[in-house]
Amino acid sequence: MLELESDTLDPLDVQLLSALEVDGRASFSRIGAVLGVSDQTIARRYRRLCAEAGLRVVAVRDAERLGQDQWMLRLRCAPDGATVIADALAKRPDTAWIGLASGGTEIACMTRPRHPGDHDDLLLGKLPRTPSVVEIRAQQLLHRFYGGPTGWVRKFRALSEEQAAALRPAPPPEADGPARLEPEDAPLLAALERDGRATYPELQRATGRSESSVKRRLAALLASGAVYIDVEYRSEVLGFSKSALLWITTTPAAMHSVGQALAFHDEVAFAAATAGPSHVVVTVVLRDTAHLYAYLSGPVGRLEGVQHVEAMPFLRRVKQLTYQGLW
């Protein structure tokens, strides 16, 4: 179990972050009732986390549930160009989890194309024409073991099973057919991607639809899994200042079992099977360099079927879910 190591946050802050991971649109009064504090206390803590921890609650389109391709890119760049390229990529709505590594000469980036042709435009058009990009390596994500709607803060076990159950939204009506987005969803999604806690009156004004229509459509999108509400924050404020990508090569037969085992590791925020030279890509969040060494030589090293691990510590994180400029 992870332990909080922070000079600015306390266990109630972690409980609030965990509650938002369970239901990012839960009211402050509901969260306060479950955590045993007033809604005013929760509101104050929420505002402080936004100001001091970079907290944002946003809607995310689930590319895996929507059947859309996702790719992990590794871009080797000239040292004087990596920061500019990373910042330009961060401004694109089809990118996430961008970091600078290898002394500032390599960029890691996840792409989530929203429209047919977006991926070709980026990989075959813009990036090859960028003079500072020396090499492009792309690996398609095949299967998610951990991440997406499942957040990392829950690994602190800050909430009891009873508290998590009390916060969990009531089961929505059964989705009508597979996950899909319609063209008329664009204004609703744009509003929720700016603020996943936007009220129904605010969503009504943003979409021009009735409040009841907005409620029904959002419920349908969440029920189908096409969209989920996610939480973004700076892990440094929790005492975890180091993050890294691991590119893991396994035997073919061990790919699934290794991925499943990694999902239970406290350090793992994201894990997915990939097509390419490595078979599993993992994002880990750690306290420091010593913690990375202990994790690689211990839990990862003991996994049966692992043949090779390339660790790529981030020098700087540029983007998680939303663009906020270089950190």
C-alpha atoms as a PDB file:
ATOM      1  CA  MET A   1       0.000   0.000   0.000  1.00  0.00           C
ATOM      2  CA  LEU A   2       1.302   3.466  -0.896  1.00  0.00           C
ATOM      3  CA  GLU A   3       1.897   5.932   1.934  1.00  0.00           C
ATOM      4  CA  LEU A   4       1.453   9.695   1.760  1.00  0.00           C
ATOM      5  CA  GLU A   5       4.694  11.666   2.080  1.00  0.00           C
ATOM      6  CA  SER A   6       3.735  15.313   1.822  1.00  0.00           C
ATOM      7  CA  ASP A   7       4.333  18.574   3.627  1.00  0.00           C
ATOM      8  CA  THR A   8       1.188  20.157   2.173  1.00  0.00           C
ATOM      9  CA  LEU A   9      -1.463  17.412   1.931  1.00  0.00           C
ATOM     10  CA  ASP A  10      -3.015  15.259   4.634  1.00  0.00           C
ATOM     11  CA  PRO A  11      -5.085  12.033   4.590  1.00  0.00           C
ATOM     12  CA  LEU A  12      -8.335  13.940   3.998  1.00  0.00           C
ATOM     13  CA  ASP A  13      -6.873  15.399   0.806  1.00  0.00           C
ATOM     14  CA  VAL A  14      -6.027  11.894  -0.416  1.00  0.00           C
ATOM     15  CA  GLN A  15      -9.517  10.726   0.496  1.00  0.00           C
ATOM     16  CA  LEU A  16     -10.961  13.583  -1.562  1.00  0.00           C
ATOM     17  CA  LEU A  17      -8.785  12.699  -4.567  1.00  0.00           C
ATOM     18  CA  SER A  18      -9.831   9.060  -4.186  1.00  0.00           C
ATOM     19  CA  ALA A  19     -13.496  10.046  -3.956  1.00  0.00           C
ATOM     20  CA  LEU A  20     -13.190  12.033  -7.184  1.00  0.00           C
ATOM     21  CA  GLU A  21     -11.649   9.011  -8.870  1.00  0.00           C
ATOM     22  CA  VAL A  22     -14.690   6.983  -7.849  1.00  0.00           C
ATOM     23  CA  ASP A  23     -17.143   9.646  -9.040  1.00  0.00           C
ATOM     24  CA  GLY A  24     -15.676  12.852 -10.430  1.00  0.00           C
ATOM     25  CA  ARG A  25     -19.125  14.485 -10.565  1.00  0.00           C
ATOM     26  CA  ALA A  26     -20.163  13.657  -6.993  1.00  0.00           C
ATOM     27  CA  SER A  27     -21.417  16.708  -5.110  1.00  0.00           C
ATOM     28  CA  PHE A  28     -19.366  18.169  -2.269  1.00  0.00           C
ATOM     29  CA  SER A  29     -22.216  17.389   0.124  1.00  0.00           C
ATOM     30  CA  ARG A  30     -22.228  13.728  -0.887  1.00  0.00           C
ATOM     31  CA  ILE A  31     -18.447  13.442  -0.578  1.00  0.00           C
ATOM     32  CA  GLY A  32     -18.521  15.237   2.783  1.00  0.00           C
ATOM     33  CA  ALA A  33     -21.230  12.937   4.121  1.00  0.00           C
ATOM     34  CA  VAL A  34     -19.199   9.847   3.182  1.00  0.00           C
ATOM     35  CA  LEU A  35     -15.941  11.244   4.583  1.00  0.00           C
ATOM     36  CA  GLY A  36     -17.558  12.626   7.738  1.00  0.00           C
ATOM     37  CA  VAL A  37     -16.854  16.319   7.172  1.00  0.00           C
ATOM     38  CA  SER A  38     -18.912  19.301   6.002  1.00  0.00           C
ATOM     39  CA  ASP A  39     -19.451  20.157   2.367  1.00  0.00           C
ATOM     40  CA  GLN A  40     -17.752  23.530   3.048  1.00  0.00           C
ATOM     41  CA  THR A  41     -14.625  21.671   4.156  1.00  0.00           C
ATOM     42  CA  ILE A  42     -14.661  19.584   0.980  1.00  0.00           C
ATOM     43  CA  ALA A  43     -15.180  22.699  -1.152  1.00  0.00           C
ATOM     44  CA  ARG A  44     -12.217  24.429   0.505  1.00  0.00           C
ATOM     45  CA  ARG A  45     -10.000  21.366   0.086  1.00  0.00           C
ATOM     46  CA  TYR A  46     -11.054  21.037  -3.555  1.00  0.00           C
ATOM     47  CA  ARG A  47     -10.141  24.654  -4.315  1.00  0.00           C
ATOM     48  CA  ARG A  48      -6.772  24.272  -2.571  1.00  0.00           C
ATOM     49  CA  LEU A  49      -5.989  21.097  -4.502  1.00  0.00           C
ATOM     50  CA  CYS A  50      -6.804  22.903  -7.737  1.00  0.00           C
ATOM     51  CA  ALA A  51      -4.451  25.740  -6.799  1.00  0.00           C
ATOM     52  CA  GLU A  52      -1.600  23.756  -5.229  1.00  0.00           C
ATOM     53  CA  ALA A  53      -1.792  20.281  -6.788  1.00  0.00           C
ATOM     54  CA  GLY A  54      -2.954  21.083 -10.311  1.00  0.00           C
ATOM     55  CA  LEU A  55      -6.211  19.203  -9.721  1.00  0.00           C
ATOM     56  CA  ARG A  56      -8.552  19.069 -12.687  1.00  0.00           C
ATOM     57  CA  VAL A  57     -11.592  16.870 -13.241  1.00  0.00           C
ATOM     58  CA  VAL A  58     -12.229  16.312 -16.940  1.00  0.00           C
ATOM     59  CA  ALA A  59     -14.114  14.023 -19.289  1.00  0.00           C
ATOM     60  CA  VAL A  60     -12.013  11.645 -21.385  1.00  0.00           C
ATOM     61  CA  ARG A  61     -13.058   9.734 -24.486  1.00  0.00           C
ATOM     62  CA  ASP A  62     -12.178   6.066 -23.998  1.00  0.00           C
ATOM     63  CA  ALA A  63     -10.466   5.184 -27.262  1.00  0.00           C
ATOM     64  CA  GLU A  64     -10.297   1.499 -26.356  1.00  0.00           C
ATOM     65  CA  ARG A  65     -14.053   1.245 -25.754  1.00  0.00           C
ATOM     66  CA  LEU A  66     -14.718   3.278 -28.901  1.00  0.00           C
ATOM     67  CA  GLY A  67     -12.568   0.964 -30.988  1.00  0.00           C
ATOM     68  CA  GLN A  68     -10.111   3.713 -31.906  1.00  0.00           C
ATOM     69  CA  ASP A  69      -6.394   3.097 -32.321  1.00  0.00           C
ATOM     70  CA  GLN A  70      -3.972   4.469 -29.740  1.00  0.00           C
ATOM     71  CA  TRP A  71      -0.224   4.735 -30.181  1.00  0.00           C
ATOM     72  CA  MET A  72       2.789   5.364 -27.983  1.00  0.00           C
ATOM     73  CA  LEU A  73       5.363   7.525 -29.751  1.00  0.00           C
ATOM     74  CA  ARG A  74       9.050   7.880 -28.979  1.00  0.00           C
ATOM     75  CA  LEU A  75      10.623  10.849 -30.706  1.00  0.00           C
ATOM     76  CA  ARG A  76      14.378  11.350 -30.623  1.00  0.00           C
ATOM     77  CA  CYS A  77      15.086  15.033 -31.124  1.00  0.00           C
ATOM     78  CA  ALA A  78      17.909  17.505 -31.381  1.00  0.00           C
ATOM     79  CA  PRO A  79      18.492  18.883 -27.851  1.00  0.00           C
ATOM     80  CA  ASP A  80      17.453  22.408 -28.792  1.00  0.00           C
ATOM     81  CA  GLY A  81      14.169  21.264 -30.341  1.00  0.00           C
ATOM     82  CA  ALA A  82      12.645  18.768 -27.911  1.00  0.00           C
ATOM     83  CA  THR A  83      11.003  21.306 -25.596  1.00  0.00           C
ATOM     84  CA  VAL A  84       9.365  23.195 -28.460  1.00  0.00           C
ATOM     85  CA  ILE A  85       8.106  19.987 -30.093  1.00  0.00           C
ATOM     86  CA  ALA A  86       6.780  18.604 -26.801  1.00  0.00           C
ATOM     87  CA  ASP A  87       4.914  21.827 -26.125  1.00  0.00           C
ATOM     88  CA  ALA A  88       3.426  21.803 -29.636  1.00  0.00           C
ATOM     89  CA  LEU A  89       2.292  18.189 -29.212  1.00  0.00           C
ATOM     90  CA  ALA A  90       0.770  19.042 -25.827  1.00  0.00           C
ATOM     91  CA  LYS A  91      -1.500  21.620 -27.441  1.00  0.00           C
ATOM     92  CA  ARG A  92      -3.069  18.985 -29.685  1.00  0.00           C
ATOM     93  CA  PRO A  93      -6.367  17.516 -28.413  1.00  0.00           C
ATOM     94  CA  ASP A  94      -5.362  14.034 -29.616  1.00  0.00           C
ATOM     95  CA  THR A  95      -2.309  13.658 -27.324  1.00  0.00           C
ATOM     96  CA  ALA A  96      -1.808  12.797 -23.656  1.00  0.00           C
ATOM     97  CA  TRP A  97       0.901  11.737 -21.199  1.00  0.00           C
ATOM     98  CA  ILE A  98       3.758  13.659 -22.805  1.00  0.00           C
ATOM     99  CA  GLY A  99       7.143  13.679 -21.129  1.00  0.00           C
ATOM    100  CA  LEU A 100      10.735  14.687 -21.837  1.00  0.00           C
ATOM    101  CA  ALA A 101      13.375  12.030 -21.181  1.00  0.00           C
ATOM    102  CA  SER A 102      16.962  11.048 -22.016  1.00  0.00           C
ATOM    103  CA  GLY A 103      18.423  14.347 -20.873  1.00  0.00           C
ATOM    104  CA  GLY A 104      15.825  16.278 -22.825  1.00  0.00           C
ATOM    105  CA  THR A 105      16.547  14.635 -26.195  1.00  0.00           C
ATOM    106  CA  GLU A 106      13.604  12.203 -26.302  1.00  0.00           C
ATOM    107  CA  ILE A 107       9.837  12.714 -26.109  1.00  0.00           C
ATOM    108  CA  ALA A 108       7.296  10.080 -25.094  1.00  0.00           C
ATOM    109  CA  CYS A 109       3.717  10.714 -26.121  1.00  0.00           C
ATOM    110  CA  MET A 110       0.418   8.850 -26.315  1.00  0.00           C
ATOM    111  CA  THR A 111      -1.793   9.701 -29.274  1.00  0.00           C
ATOM    112  CA  ARG A 112      -5.556   9.224 -29.282  1.00  0.00           C
ATOM    113  CA  PRO A 113      -6.808  10.181 -32.767  1.00  0.00           C
ATOM    114  CA  ARG A 114     -10.347  11.560 -32.730  1.00  0.00           C
ATOM    115  CA  HIS A 115     -10.988  11.451 -36.454  1.00  0.00           C
ATOM    116  CA  PRO A 116      -9.927   9.166 -39.326  1.00  0.00           C
ATOM    117  CA  GLY A 117      -6.685  10.446 -40.747  1.00  0.00           C
ATOM    118  CA  ASP A 118      -5.492  12.229 -37.579  1.00  0.00           C
ATOM    119  CA  HIS A 119      -2.838   9.591 -36.931  1.00  0.00           C
ATOM    120  CA  ASP A 120      -1.604   9.644 -40.535  1.00  0.00           C
ATOM    121  CA  ASP A 121      -1.489  13.442 -40.454  1.00  0.00           C
ATOM    122  CA  LEU A 122       0.701  13.395 -37.356  1.00  0.00           C
ATOM    123  CA  LEU A 123       2.970  10.411 -38.120  1.00  0.00           C
ATOM    124  CA  LEU A 124       3.223  10.688 -41.894  1.00  0.00           C
ATOM    125  CA  GLY A 125       2.814  14.437 -42.251  1.00  0.00           C
ATOM    126  CA  LYS A 126       3.779  16.835 -39.485  1.00  0.00           C
ATOM    127  CA  LEU A 127       6.422  14.945 -37.507  1.00  0.00           C
ATOM    128  CA  PRO A 128       8.590  13.726 -40.437  1.00  0.00           C
ATOM    129  CA  ARG A 129       8.700  17.300 -41.740  1.00  0.00           C
ATOM    130  CA  THR A 130       9.914  18.632 -38.380  1.00  0.00           C
ATOM    131  CA  PRO A 131      13.684  19.229 -38.779  1.00  0.00           C
ATOM    132  CA  SER A 132      14.491  18.666 -35.082  1.00  0.00           C
ATOM    133  CA  VAL A 133      12.940  15.171 -35.066  1.00  0.00           C
ATOM    134  CA  VAL A 134      15.767  12.690 -35.685  1.00  0.00           C
ATOM    135  CA  GLU A 135      13.867   9.408 -35.222  1.00  0.00           C
ATOM    136  CA  ILE A 136      10.245   8.317 -34.759  1.00  0.00           C
ATOM    137  CA  ARG A 137       9.247   5.043 -33.160  1.00  0.00           C
ATOM    138  CA  ALA A 138       5.566   4.185 -32.828  1.00  0.00           C
ATOM    139  CA  GLN A 139       3.958   1.232 -31.057  1.00  0.00           C
ATOM    140  CA  GLN A 140       0.225   0.575 -31.193  1.00  0.00           C
ATOM    141  CA  LEU A 141      -1.560  -0.149 -27.914  1.00  0.00           C
ATOM    142  CA  LEU A 142      -3.384  -3.464 -28.118  1.00  0.00           C
ATOM    143  CA  HIS A 143      -4.961  -4.038 -24.714  1.00  0.00           C
ATOM    144  CA  ARG A 144      -5.180  -2.006 -21.488  1.00  0.00           C
ATOM    145  CA  PHE A 145      -4.303  -3.803 -18.263  1.00  0.00           C
ATOM    146  CA  TYR A 146      -4.553  -0.770 -15.962  1.00  0.00           C
ATOM    147  CA  GLY A 147      -5.388   2.900 -16.300  1.00  0.00           C
ATOM    148  CA  GLY A 148      -8.117   4.729 -18.144  1.00  0.00           C
ATOM    149  CA  PRO A 149     -11.158   4.838 -15.841  1.00  0.00           C
ATOM    150  CA  THR A 150      -9.120   3.140 -13.090  1.00  0.00           C
ATOM    151  CA  GLY A 151      -7.054   5.765 -11.263  1.00  0.00           C
ATOM    152  CA  TRP A 152      -3.728   5.540  -9.449  1.00  0.00           C
ATOM    153  CA  VAL A 153      -4.725   7.286  -6.198  1.00  0.00           C
ATOM    154  CA  ARG A 154      -6.911   4.333  -5.213  1.00  0.00           C
ATOM    155  CA  LYS A 155      -3.664   2.464  -4.548  1.00  0.00           C
ATOM    156  CA  PHE A 156      -3.281   4.547  -1.378  1.00  0.00           C
ATOM    157  CA  ARG A 157      -6.369   2.659  -0.049  1.00  0.00           C
ATOM    158  CA  ALA A 158      -7.562   5.931   1.476  1.00  0.00           C
ATOM    159  CA  LEU A 159     -11.228   4.857   1.263  1.00  0.00           C
ATOM    160  CA  SER A 160     -12.807   1.825   2.856  1.00  0.00           C
ATOM    161  CA  GLU A 161     -14.853  -0.526   0.686  1.00  0.00           C
ATOM    162  CA  GLU A 162     -17.994   0.895   2.302  1.00  0.00           C
ATOM    163  CA  GLN A 163     -16.978   4.486   1.521  1.00  0.00           C
ATOM    164  CA  ALA A 164     -16.142   3.657  -2.091  1.00  0.00           C
ATOM    165  CA  ALA A 165     -19.472   1.855  -2.499  1.00  0.00           C
ATOM    166  CA  ALA A 166     -21.351   4.835  -1.040  1.00  0.00           C
ATOM    167  CA  LEU A 167     -19.664   7.181  -3.515  1.00  0.00           C
ATOM    168  CA  ARG A 168     -20.038   4.976  -6.550  1.00  0.00           C
ATOM    169  CA  PRO A 169     -22.822   6.235  -8.823  1.00  0.00           C
ATOM    170  CA  ALA A 170     -25.961   4.147  -9.088  1.00  0.00           C
ATOM    171  CA  PRO A 171     -25.682   1.666 -11.966  1.00  0.00           C
ATOM    172  CA  PRO A 172     -26.818   3.496 -15.097  1.00  0.00           C
ATOM    173  CA  PRO A 173     -29.405   2.001 -17.413  1.00  0.00           C
ATOM    174  CA  GLU A 174     -28.031  -0.644 -19.728  1.00  0.00           C
ATOM    175  CA  ALA A 175     -26.310   0.979 -22.678  1.00  0.00           C
ATOM    176  CA  ASP A 176     -28.167   0.718 -25.956  1.00  0.00           C
ATOM    177  CA  GLY A 177     -25.600  -0.877 -28.245  1.00  0.00           C
ATOM    178  CA  PRO A 178     -21.814  -0.425 -28.383  1.00  0.00           C
ATOM    179  CA  ALA A 179     -19.980   2.673 -27.216  1.00  0.00           C
ATOM    180  CA  ARG A 180     -20.200   5.428 -29.789  1.00  0.00           C
ATOM    181  CA  LEU A 181     -20.148   9.188 -30.132  1.00  0.00           C
ATOM    182  CA  GLU A 182     -22.498  11.185 -32.320  1.00  0.00           C
ATOM    183  CA  PRO A 183     -21.660  14.469 -34.105  1.00  0.00           C
ATOM    184  CA  GLU A 184     -24.179  16.314 -31.934  1.00  0.00           C
ATOM    185  CA  ASP A 185     -22.191  15.277 -28.824  1.00  0.00           C
ATOM    186  CA  ALA A 186     -19.376  17.686 -29.735  1.00  0.00           C
ATOM    187  CA  PRO A 187     -20.545  20.711 -27.656  1.00  0.00           C
ATOM    188  CA  LEU A 188     -21.307  18.504 -24.642  1.00  0.00           C
ATOM    189  CA  LEU A 189     -17.918  16.805 -24.806  1.00  0.00           C
ATOM    190  CA  ALA A 190     -16.100  20.101 -25.303  1.00  0.00           C
ATOM    191  CA  ALA A 191     -17.693  21.504 -22.140  1.00  0.00           C
ATOM    192  CA  LEU A 192     -16.920  18.387 -20.098  1.00  0.00           C
ATOM    193  CA  GLU A 193     -13.343  18.229 -21.381  1.00  0.00           C
ATOM    194  CA  ARG A 194     -12.873  21.723 -19.951  1.00  0.00           C
ATOM    195  CA  ASP A 195     -14.625  20.890 -16.662  1.00  0.00           C
ATOM    196  CA  GLY A 196     -15.885  17.404 -15.890  1.00  0.00           C
ATOM    197  CA  ARG A 197     -17.847  18.827 -12.942  1.00  0.00           C
ATOM    198  CA  ALA A 198     -19.782  21.352 -15.033  1.00  0.00           C
ATOM    199  CA  THR A 199     -23.345  21.587 -13.731  1.00  0.00           C
ATOM    200  CA  TYR A 200     -26.327  20.563 -15.833  1.00  0.00           C
ATOM    201  CA  PRO A 201     -27.438  24.211 -16.277  1.00  0.00           C
ATOM    202  CA  GLU A 202     -23.914  25.002 -17.516  1.00  0.00           C
ATOM    203  CA  LEU A 203     -24.039  22.051 -19.909  1.00  0.00           C
ATOM    204  CA  GLN A 204     -27.477  23.154 -21.053  1.00  0.00           C
ATOM    205  CA  ARG A 205     -26.118  26.583 -21.957  1.00  0.00           C
ATOM    206  CA  ALA A 206     -23.075  25.089 -23.690  1.00  0.00           C
ATOM    207  CA  THR A 207     -25.118  22.708 -25.839  1.00  0.00           C
ATOM    208  CA  GLY A 208     -28.386  24.535 -26.398  1.00  0.00           C
ATOM    209  CA  ARG A 209     -30.223  21.352 -25.400  1.00  0.00           C
ATOM    210  CA  SER A 210     -32.681  20.936 -22.560  1.00  0.00           C
ATOM    211  CA  GLU A 211     -31.354  19.982 -19.151  1.00  0.00           C
ATOM    212  CA  SER A 212     -33.221  16.658 -19.238  1.00  0.00           C
ATOM    213  CA  SER A 213     -31.736  15.897 -22.666  1.00  0.00           C
ATOM    214  CA  VAL A 214     -28.223  16.673 -21.415  1.00  0.00           C
ATOM    215  CA  LYS A 215     -28.716  14.426 -18.378  1.00  0.00           C
ATOM    216  CA  ARG A 216     -29.925  11.528 -20.506  1.00  0.00           C
ATOM    217  CA  ARG A 217     -27.131  11.833 -23.056  1.00  0.00           C
ATOM    218  CA  LEU A 218     -24.376  12.129 -20.459  1.00  0.00           C
ATOM    219  CA  ALA A 219     -25.786   9.121 -18.603  1.00  0.00           C
ATOM    220  CA  ALA A 220     -25.811   7.157 -21.864  1.00  0.00           C
ATOM    221  CA  LEU A 221     -22.221   8.107 -22.702  1.00  0.00           C
ATOM    222  CA  LEU A 222     -21.000   7.099 -19.245  1.00  0.00           C
ATOM    223  CA  ALA A 223     -23.038   3.875 -19.287  1.00  0.00           C
ATOM    224  CA  SER A 224     -21.621   2.803 -22.643  1.00  0.00           C
ATOM    225  CA  GLY A 225     -18.061   3.561 -21.560  1.00  0.00           C
ATOM    226  CA  ALA A 226     -17.544   5.927 -24.490  1.00  0.00           C
ATOM    227  CA  VAL A 227     -16.631   8.633 -21.973  1.00  0.00           C
ATOM    228  CA  TYR A 228     -15.414   8.559 -18.387  1.00  0.00           C
ATOM    229  CA  ILE A 229     -14.633  11.269 -15.844  1.00  0.00           C
ATOM    230  CA  ASP A 230     -10.948  11.359 -14.915  1.00  0.00           C
ATOM    231  CA  VAL A 231      -8.816  13.217 -12.375  1.00  0.00           C
ATOM    232  CA  GLU A 232      -5.542  14.994 -13.130  1.00  0.00           C
ATOM    233  CA  TYR A 233      -3.091  16.192 -10.449  1.00  0.00           C
ATOM    234  CA  ARG A 234       0.622  16.504  -9.766  1.00  0.00           C
ATOM    235  CA  SER A 235       1.885  13.387  -8.013  1.00  0.00           C
ATOM    236  CA  GLU A 236       4.761  15.408  -6.526  1.00  0.00           C
ATOM    237  CA  VAL A 237       2.440  16.856  -3.890  1.00  0.00           C
ATOM    238  CA  LEU A 238       1.768  13.317  -2.662  1.00  0.00           C
ATOM    239  CA  GLY A 239       5.488  12.672  -2.241  1.00  0.00           C
ATOM    240  CA  PHE A 240       6.030  10.906  -5.571  1.00  0.00           C
ATOM    241  CA  SER A 241       8.264  13.138  -7.668  1.00  0.00           C
ATOM    242  CA  LYS A 242       9.656  10.584 -10.139  1.00  0.00           C
ATOM    243  CA  SER A 243       7.837   9.006 -13.073  1.00  0.00           C
ATOM    244  CA  ALA A 244       9.075   6.753 -15.850  1.00  0.00           C
ATOM    245  CA  LEU A 245       8.022   4.660 -18.795  1.00  0.00           C
ATOM    246  CA  LEU A 246       9.025   1.007 -18.859  1.00  0.00           C
ATOM    247  CA  TRP A 247       9.251  -0.833 -22.159  1.00  0.00           C
ATOM    248  CA  ILE A 248       9.044  -4.520 -21.254  1.00  0.00           C
ATOM    249  CA  THR A 249       9.845  -7.415 -23.571  1.00  0.00           C
ATOM    250  CA  THR A 250       8.263 -10.740 -22.611  1.00  0.00           C
ATOM    251  CA  THR A 251       7.884 -14.176 -24.095  1.00  0.00           C
ATOM    252  CA  PRO A 252       4.711 -14.215 -26.226  1.00  0.00           C
ATOM    253  CA  ALA A 253       2.987 -16.600 -23.842  1.00  0.00           C
ATOM    254  CA  ALA A 254       3.752 -14.390 -20.837  1.00  0.00           C
ATOM    255  CA  MET A 255       2.525 -11.063 -22.244  1.00  0.00           C
ATOM    256  CA  HIS A 256      -0.942 -11.288 -20.674  1.00  0.00           C
ATOM    257  CA  SER A 257       0.143 -12.694 -17.314  1.00  0.00           C
ATOM    258  CA  VAL A 258       2.880 -10.053 -16.964  1.00  0.00           C
ATOM    259  CA  GLY A 259       0.431  -7.279 -17.807  1.00  0.00           C
ATOM    260  CA  GLN A 260      -2.114  -8.565 -15.310  1.00  0.00           C
ATOM    261  CA  ALA A 261       0.529  -8.824 -12.574  1.00  0.00           C
ATOM    262  CA  LEU A 262       1.756  -5.275 -13.247  1.00  0.00           C
ATOM    263  CA  ALA A 263      -1.771  -3.927 -12.794  1.00  0.00           C
ATOM    264  CA  PHE A 264      -1.593  -4.883  -9.103  1.00  0.00           C
ATOM    265  CA  HIS A 265       1.736  -3.128  -8.460  1.00  0.00           C
ATOM    266  CA  ASP A 266       1.290   0.039  -6.407  1.00  0.00           C
ATOM    267  CA  GLU A 267       3.728   1.964  -8.586  1.00  0.00           C
ATOM    268  CA  VAL A 268       1.835   1.325 -11.847  1.00  0.00           C
ATOM    269  CA  ALA A 269      -0.468   4.081 -13.114  1.00  0.00           C
ATOM    270  CA  PHE A 270      -0.892   2.653 -16.626  1.00  0.00           C
ATOM    271  CA  ALA A 271      -0.066  -0.642 -18.323  1.00  0.00           C
ATOM    272  CA  ALA A 272      -0.912  -1.881 -21.807  1.00  0.00           C
ATOM    273  CA  ALA A 273       0.115  -4.528 -24.302  1.00  0.00           C
ATOM    274  CA  THR A 274       1.794  -3.114 -27.392  1.00  0.00           C
ATOM    275  CA  ALA A 275       2.691  -4.140 -30.921  1.00  0.00           C
ATOM    276  CA  GLY A 276       6.360  -3.529 -31.642  1.00  0.00           C
ATOM    277  CA  PRO A 277       9.818  -4.322 -30.272  1.00  0.00           C
ATOM    278  CA  SER A 278       8.496  -4.406 -26.690  1.00  0.00           C
ATOM    279  CA  HIS A 279       5.328  -6.156 -25.606  1.00  0.00           C
ATOM    280  CA  VAL A 280       4.139  -4.155 -22.591  1.00  0.00           C
ATOM    281  CA  VAL A 281       4.443  -0.425 -21.878  1.00  0.00           C
ATOM    282  CA  VAL A 282       4.053   0.798 -18.306  1.00  0.00           C
ATOM    283  CA  THR A 283       3.900   4.190 -16.619  1.00  0.00           C
ATOM    284  CA  VAL A 284       5.211   4.084 -13.062  1.00  0.00           C
ATOM    285  CA  VAL A 285       5.044   6.765 -10.362  1.00  0.00           C
ATOM    286  CA  LEU A 286       7.756   6.695  -7.707  1.00  0.00           C
ATOM    287  CA  ARG A 287       9.215   8.650  -4.814  1.00  0.00           C
ATOM    288  CA  ASP A 288      12.744   8.994  -6.178  1.00  0.00           C
ATOM    289  CA  THR A 289      15.512   7.315  -8.175  1.00  0.00           C
ATOM    290  CA  ALA A 290      16.184   4.819  -5.374  1.00  0.00           C
ATOM    291  CA  HIS A 291      12.535   3.767  -5.519  1.00  0.00           C
ATOM    292  CA  LEU A 292      12.860   3.190  -9.296  1.00  0.00           C
ATOM    293  CA  TYR A 293      15.915   0.998  -8.737  1.00  0.00           C
ATOM    294  CA  ALA A 294      14.170  -0.994  -6.005  1.00  0.00           C
ATOM    295  CA  TYR A 295      11.105  -1.472  -8.207  1.00  0.00           C
ATOM    296  CA  LEU A 296      13.066  -2.623 -11.257  1.00  0.00           C
ATOM    297  CA  SER A 297      15.325  -4.980  -9.311  1.00  0.00           C
ATOM    298  CA  GLY A 298      12.472  -6.318  -7.166  1.00  0.00           C
ATOM    299  CA  PRO A 299       8.831  -6.600  -8.307  1.00  0.00           C
ATOM    300  CA  VAL A 300       9.581  -6.271 -12.037  1.00  0.00           C
ATOM    301  CA  GLY A 301      12.664  -8.442 -11.964  1.00  0.00           C
ATOM    302  CA  ARG A 302      10.784 -11.270 -10.282  1.00  0.00           C
ATOM    303  CA  LEU A 303       8.033 -11.486 -12.905  1.00  0.00           C
ATOM    304  CA  GLU A 304       8.198 -14.755 -14.785  1.00  0.00           C
ATOM    305  CA  GLY A 305       8.412 -14.306 -18.532  1.00  0.00           C
ATOM    306  CA  VAL A 306      10.114 -10.881 -18.508  1.00  0.00           C
ATOM    307  CA  GLN A 307      13.099 -10.937 -20.837  1.00  0.00           C
ATOM    308  CA  HIS A 308      14.143  -7.300 -21.064  1.00  0.00           C
ATOM    309  CA  VAL A 309      13.195  -3.962 -19.486  1.00  0.00           C
ATOM    310  CA  GLU A 310      14.112  -0.517 -20.781  1.00  0.00           C
ATOM    311  CA  ALA A 311      13.444   2.221 -18.239  1.00  0.00           C
ATOM    312  CA  MET A 312      12.849   5.745 -19.505  1.00  0.00           C
ATOM    313  CA  PRO A 313      12.735   8.197 -16.545  1.00  0.00           C
ATOM    314  CA  PHE A 314      10.988  11.471 -17.312  1.00  0.00           C
ATOM    315  CA  LEU A 315      13.089  14.578 -16.987  1.00  0.00           C
ATOM    316  CA  ARG A 316       9.951  16.717 -17.136  1.00  0.00           C
ATOM    317  CA  ARG A 317       6.248  15.975 -17.512  1.00  0.00           C
ATOM    318  CA  VAL A 318       4.663  18.221 -20.127  1.00  0.00           C
ATOM    319  CA  LYS A 319       1.068  16.977 -20.251  1.00  0.00           C
ATOM    320  CA  GLN A 320      -1.169  14.482 -18.518  1.00  0.00           C
ATOM    321  CA  LEU A 321      -4.739  14.793 -19.760  1.00  0.00           C
ATOM    322  CA  THR A 322      -4.943  18.512 -20.469  1.00  0.00           C
ATOM    323  CA  TYR A 323      -2.532  21.140 -21.709  1.00  0.00           C
ATOM    324  CA  GLN A 324      -1.264  23.408 -18.938  1.00  0.00           C
ATOM    325  CA  GLY A 325       2.043  24.490 -20.414  1.00  0.00           C
ATOM    326  CA  LEU A 326       5.474  23.140 -19.536  1.00  0.00           C
ATOM    327  CA  TRP A 327       5.766  22.141 -15.863  1.00  0.00           C
END
